[in-house]
Amino acid sequence: MRTFLDWLQKCQFETQCRETQLAAGRCPEKRAPAYVRNDAAIAAAKLRYGVNIGQLFAYNFPQANSWHQFNSMTVDFLAYVSHLIGLGQ
């Protein structure tokens, strides 16, 4: 338990120091290209999902299958984003 608490305290100290450095104007560290691409893919997926849901509610909402379409779009979006962040199957 002591080892875990020491590790946790070290992580907290490092995070607190980094926050202080950023608040003081230090530039953030450069991100790996894979993370930049992944963030772009997530942002694009969020945009597509938002547009699709907007169109669904603007044009199709009164129809009987609207909730099924909403559910399907949401599940597809969440599955894709889960895959991108490494939680997908």
Foldseek 3Di string as FASTA:
>chain_A
DVVVVVVVVVVVVVVVVVVVCVVVPDDDDDDDPLVVVLVVVLVVLVVVLVVVLVCLVVPPVVDPCSVVVNVVSVVVSVLVNCVSVVNHD
